[in-house]
Amino acid sequence: MSTTPLTDIQEIIERTVFENIRGELVDKGYLPDITLYDDDATGWAQWETDISSIVTSKGFAIEVYNVGASEAKGIKKFPRIVINAGSFLPGALGGDPQRFYSDQTTSYKSLVTPPQTADFYLDIHLASKTIQQARILNSLLSIAIPRRAYLAYHSDPNSSFFIRNIGYYDADDIDEGYMEKVFGYEIPDCWDAGDKDFDATIAKINEITLHPNIQKYMDRTWGHDADPLVVT
């Protein structure tokens, strides 16, 4: 059975991209801040009221949908931003085959990094009804997710991953009458598996105890007239 733990890097990437886009929409006034609402009937009613206020003042609101089942993304309203995850492919870097030791506070754990990194891919869809909406969506995305950038983890500002725009295509639907611009992104050389755990724990040295005769030697009650002291 494998001793390699699962990794949450895909969730970190998806949620970080989502939070960057959502934060920019809130900052530019196109979306209420969902974190300020209670998750109950009153909170959702207030959310709908505030969405309507944005539509009245700006002409439209912009909602963003993270990776998930199509049922969770609701009625297809415009404009909207949708994040669709791709998958992992082999990366360009190899892992260090040498064991390293992770500090576990009371002991050290013996680990080895995976043999190869992985590249993760995702698409961001910008769907709109008018060219004005499309322009604003493009502008918002360029700020929220730069073409090449390091994005700090949504859960840890001290960690980050590299992301870059690698492609684009149109997915317009003439019959339905909407435009859809799809931007492809790559997150190169991340770890899609945890460090291999050899299930070997090394205890820390908490105390070094010398031979009891050392104290007698220091008290000049033993050993001063004998041969030089040897500690074993």
Protein backbone atom coordinates (compact mmCIF):
# COMPACT_ATOMS: atom_id res chain seq x y z
CA MET A 1 0.00 0.00 0.00
CA SER A 2 1.25 3.47 -0.87
CA THR A 3 2.64 5.68 1.87
CA THR A 4 2.33 8.80 -0.30
CA PRO A 5 -0.33 11.20 1.03
CA LEU A 6 -2.90 12.93 -1.16
CA THR A 7 -2.30 16.56 -2.10
CA ASP A 8 -4.79 19.44 -2.18
CA ILE A 9 -2.91 21.50 -4.78
CA GLN A 10 -5.76 21.33 -7.34
CA GLU A 11 -8.24 22.75 -4.84
CA ILE A 12 -5.73 25.45 -3.85
CA ILE A 13 -5.24 26.50 -7.48
CA GLU A 14 -8.95 26.53 -8.32
CA ARG A 15 -9.99 28.43 -5.20
CA THR A 16 -7.12 30.92 -5.52
CA VAL A 17 -8.09 31.75 -9.11
CA PHE A 18 -11.73 32.07 -8.07
CA GLU A 19 -10.97 34.34 -5.11
CA ASN A 20 -8.73 36.60 -7.23
CA ILE A 21 -11.50 37.07 -9.78
CA ARG A 22 -14.24 37.44 -7.18
CA GLY A 23 -12.21 40.00 -5.25
CA GLU A 24 -11.67 42.10 -8.38
CA LEU A 25 -15.39 42.01 -9.23
CA VAL A 26 -16.24 43.18 -5.71
CA ASP A 27 -13.56 45.90 -5.83
CA LYS A 28 -14.86 47.27 -9.14
CA GLY A 29 -18.48 47.21 -7.94
CA TYR A 30 -19.82 44.49 -10.24
CA LEU A 31 -20.54 41.93 -7.52
CA PRO A 32 -21.56 42.11 -3.84
CA ASP A 33 -19.14 40.61 -1.31
CA ILE A 34 -20.66 37.21 -0.47
CA THR A 35 -18.59 36.97 2.72
CA LEU A 36 -20.70 39.73 4.30
CA TYR A 37 -24.00 37.82 4.05
CA ASP A 38 -25.51 35.25 6.38
CA ASP A 39 -26.09 31.84 4.82
CA ASP A 40 -29.84 31.84 5.36
CA ALA A 41 -33.04 33.06 3.69
CA THR A 42 -32.49 36.63 4.90
CA GLY A 43 -28.93 36.72 3.63
CA TRP A 44 -29.86 35.39 0.20
CA ALA A 45 -32.77 37.80 -0.11
CA GLN A 46 -30.41 40.68 0.66
CA TRP A 47 -27.93 39.30 -1.91
CA GLU A 48 -30.59 39.36 -4.64
CA THR A 49 -31.56 42.89 -3.64
CA ASP A 50 -27.96 44.09 -3.85
CA ILE A 51 -27.44 42.36 -7.21
CA SER A 52 -30.50 44.23 -8.54
CA SER A 53 -29.06 47.51 -7.24
CA ILE A 54 -25.82 46.89 -9.16
CA VAL A 55 -27.78 46.14 -12.35
CA THR A 56 -29.71 49.38 -11.90
CA SER A 57 -26.61 51.51 -11.34
CA LYS A 58 -24.13 49.88 -13.77
CA GLY A 59 -26.41 48.25 -16.31
CA PHE A 60 -25.40 44.70 -15.36
CA ALA A 61 -23.78 42.65 -12.61
CA ILE A 62 -21.11 39.97 -13.20
CA GLU A 63 -21.23 36.65 -11.36
CA VAL A 64 -18.32 34.22 -11.21
CA TYR A 65 -18.68 30.43 -10.98
CA ASN A 66 -15.96 28.14 -9.74
CA VAL A 67 -15.21 24.59 -10.83
CA GLY A 68 -18.16 22.29 -10.15
CA ALA A 69 -21.10 20.43 -11.61
CA SER A 70 -23.17 22.27 -14.21
CA GLU A 71 -26.21 22.04 -11.92
CA ALA A 72 -24.37 24.15 -9.33
CA LYS A 73 -23.79 26.98 -11.81
CA GLY A 74 -27.44 27.96 -12.06
CA ILE A 75 -29.33 29.54 -14.93
CA LYS A 76 -26.97 30.84 -17.59
CA LYS A 77 -27.16 34.59 -17.06
CA PHE A 78 -25.01 37.17 -18.81
CA PRO A 79 -22.43 38.43 -18.34
CA ARG A 80 -20.68 35.75 -16.31
CA ILE A 81 -17.25 34.27 -15.66
CA VAL A 82 -16.84 30.50 -15.37
CA ILE A 83 -13.74 28.55 -14.29
CA ASN A 84 -13.38 25.05 -15.78
CA ALA A 85 -10.57 22.82 -14.59
CA GLY A 86 -8.55 20.67 -16.95
CA SER A 87 -6.11 18.07 -15.71
CA PHE A 88 -2.48 17.31 -14.92
CA LEU A 89 0.20 16.45 -17.47
CA PRO A 90 3.88 15.60 -16.84
CA GLY A 91 5.99 18.59 -15.83
CA ALA A 92 9.57 19.48 -16.69
CA LEU A 93 11.31 19.03 -13.34
CA GLY A 94 12.37 15.93 -11.45
CA GLY A 95 12.19 15.44 -7.72
CA ASP A 96 15.21 14.98 -5.46
CA PRO A 97 15.63 11.21 -4.87
CA GLN A 98 17.53 11.80 -1.63
CA ARG A 99 15.71 11.44 1.64
CA PHE A 100 15.11 14.50 3.73
CA TYR A 101 13.85 14.80 7.27
CA SER A 102 10.80 16.83 8.23
CA ASP A 103 10.64 18.30 11.73
CA GLN A 104 7.57 16.89 13.51
CA THR A 105 8.24 18.83 16.76
CA THR A 106 9.06 15.77 18.86
CA SER A 107 10.73 13.74 16.10
CA TYR A 108 11.85 13.75 12.45
CA LYS A 109 10.03 11.99 9.59
CA SER A 110 11.89 10.42 6.67
CA LEU A 111 10.50 11.61 3.30
CA VAL A 112 11.31 11.71 -0.44
CA THR A 113 9.80 14.12 -2.98
CA PRO A 114 7.82 12.69 -5.95
CA PRO A 115 9.94 11.75 -9.01
CA GLN A 116 8.43 14.41 -11.32
CA THR A 117 6.43 17.62 -11.17
CA ALA A 118 3.12 18.08 -13.02
CA ASP A 119 1.60 20.89 -15.10
CA PHE A 120 -2.03 21.77 -14.34
CA TYR A 121 -4.40 23.37 -16.86
CA LEU A 122 -7.63 25.31 -16.55
CA ASP A 123 -9.89 27.48 -18.71
CA ILE A 124 -11.63 30.73 -17.82
CA HIS A 125 -14.77 31.49 -19.84
CA LEU A 126 -16.01 35.05 -20.32
CA ALA A 127 -19.61 34.97 -21.54
CA SER A 128 -21.42 38.16 -22.55
CA LYS A 129 -24.31 39.53 -24.59
CA THR A 130 -22.77 42.80 -25.78
CA ILE A 131 -19.34 44.05 -26.81
CA GLN A 132 -19.42 46.48 -23.87
CA GLN A 133 -19.77 43.57 -21.45
CA ALA A 134 -17.02 41.63 -23.27
CA ARG A 135 -14.60 44.55 -22.96
CA ILE A 136 -15.22 44.91 -19.23
CA LEU A 137 -14.84 41.15 -18.69
CA ASN A 138 -11.50 41.20 -20.54
CA SER A 139 -10.29 44.15 -18.51
CA LEU A 140 -11.30 42.57 -15.20
CA LEU A 141 -9.63 39.26 -16.04
CA SER A 142 -6.37 40.93 -17.07
CA ILE A 143 -6.15 42.49 -13.60
CA ALA A 144 -7.37 39.51 -11.56
CA ILE A 145 -5.25 36.88 -13.38
CA PRO A 146 -2.30 38.49 -15.17
CA ARG A 147 -0.90 36.82 -18.29
CA ARG A 148 2.17 35.76 -16.30
CA ALA A 149 2.20 36.03 -12.53
CA TYR A 150 2.69 34.42 -9.16
CA LEU A 151 -0.58 34.08 -7.25
CA ALA A 152 -0.53 33.76 -3.46
CA TYR A 153 -2.52 30.84 -2.07
CA HIS A 154 -6.01 31.86 -0.96
CA SER A 155 -5.29 30.04 2.32
CA ASP A 156 -1.64 31.04 2.83
CA PRO A 157 -0.26 34.41 1.62
CA ASN A 158 3.29 33.15 2.23
CA SER A 159 2.97 30.48 -0.49
CA SER A 160 2.36 30.99 -4.19
CA PHE A 161 2.23 29.28 -7.58
CA PHE A 162 3.14 30.47 -11.07
CA ILE A 163 0.39 30.84 -13.69
CA ARG A 164 0.55 31.88 -17.33
CA ASN A 165 -1.90 32.38 -20.18
CA ILE A 166 -1.08 29.89 -22.96
CA GLY A 167 -4.04 30.07 -25.32
CA TYR A 168 -7.37 31.52 -26.38
CA TYR A 169 -10.37 30.56 -28.52
CA ASP A 170 -13.90 31.73 -29.28
CA ALA A 171 -16.90 29.63 -28.27
CA ASP A 172 -19.62 32.03 -29.42
CA ASP A 173 -23.16 30.70 -29.80
CA ILE A 174 -24.88 32.52 -32.67
CA ASP A 175 -28.18 30.70 -32.14
CA GLU A 176 -28.36 31.72 -28.48
CA GLY A 177 -26.93 35.14 -29.23
CA TYR A 178 -24.01 35.36 -26.84
CA MET A 179 -20.23 35.69 -27.07
CA GLU A 180 -17.89 33.44 -25.13
CA LYS A 181 -14.14 34.00 -24.97
CA VAL A 182 -12.10 31.16 -23.46
CA PHE A 183 -8.62 31.75 -22.04
CA GLY A 184 -6.40 28.78 -21.27
CA TYR A 185 -3.95 28.88 -18.35
CA GLU A 186 -1.08 26.65 -17.29
CA ILE A 187 0.29 26.20 -13.79
CA PRO A 188 3.67 24.56 -14.50
CA ASP A 189 5.72 22.31 -12.26
CA CYS A 190 3.53 21.78 -9.23
CA TRP A 191 3.37 18.63 -7.11
CA ASP A 192 0.29 16.49 -7.76
CA ALA A 193 1.33 14.01 -5.06
CA GLY A 194 2.67 14.42 -1.55
CA ASP A 195 6.14 13.44 -0.37
CA LYS A 196 6.61 9.69 -0.02
CA ASP A 197 6.60 8.73 3.64
CA PHE A 198 8.95 5.89 4.55
CA ASP A 199 7.18 5.46 7.88
CA ALA A 200 10.52 5.92 9.61
CA THR A 201 10.50 8.20 12.65
CA ILE A 202 13.75 9.44 14.16
CA ALA A 203 13.59 10.59 17.76
CA LYS A 204 15.06 13.95 18.70
CA ILE A 205 17.89 14.24 21.20
CA ASN A 206 16.36 16.03 24.16
CA GLU A 207 19.13 15.59 26.71
CA ILE A 208 22.77 14.51 26.93
CA THR A 209 23.54 12.90 30.30
CA LEU A 210 27.20 12.61 31.30
CA HIS A 211 28.67 9.96 33.55
CA PRO A 212 27.73 10.58 37.24
CA ASN A 213 31.39 10.80 38.23
CA ILE A 214 31.61 14.12 36.33
CA GLN A 215 29.92 15.93 39.20
CA LYS A 216 32.27 14.31 41.70
CA TYR A 217 35.19 15.46 39.56
CA MET A 218 33.84 19.01 39.50
CA ASP A 219 33.39 18.91 43.28
CA ARG A 220 37.03 17.79 43.62
CA THR A 221 35.99 14.67 45.49
CA TRP A 222 37.14 12.22 42.83
CA GLY A 223 39.67 11.92 40.06
CA HIS A 224 41.96 14.92 40.49
CA ASP A 225 44.92 12.79 41.50
CA ALA A 226 44.07 9.97 39.08
CA ASP A 227 44.75 9.57 35.37
CA PRO A 228 42.98 12.02 33.01
CA LEU A 229 39.21 11.58 33.05
CA VAL A 230 37.68 9.56 30.22
CA VAL A 231 33.96 10.01 29.45
CA THR A 232 32.20 7.10 27.74
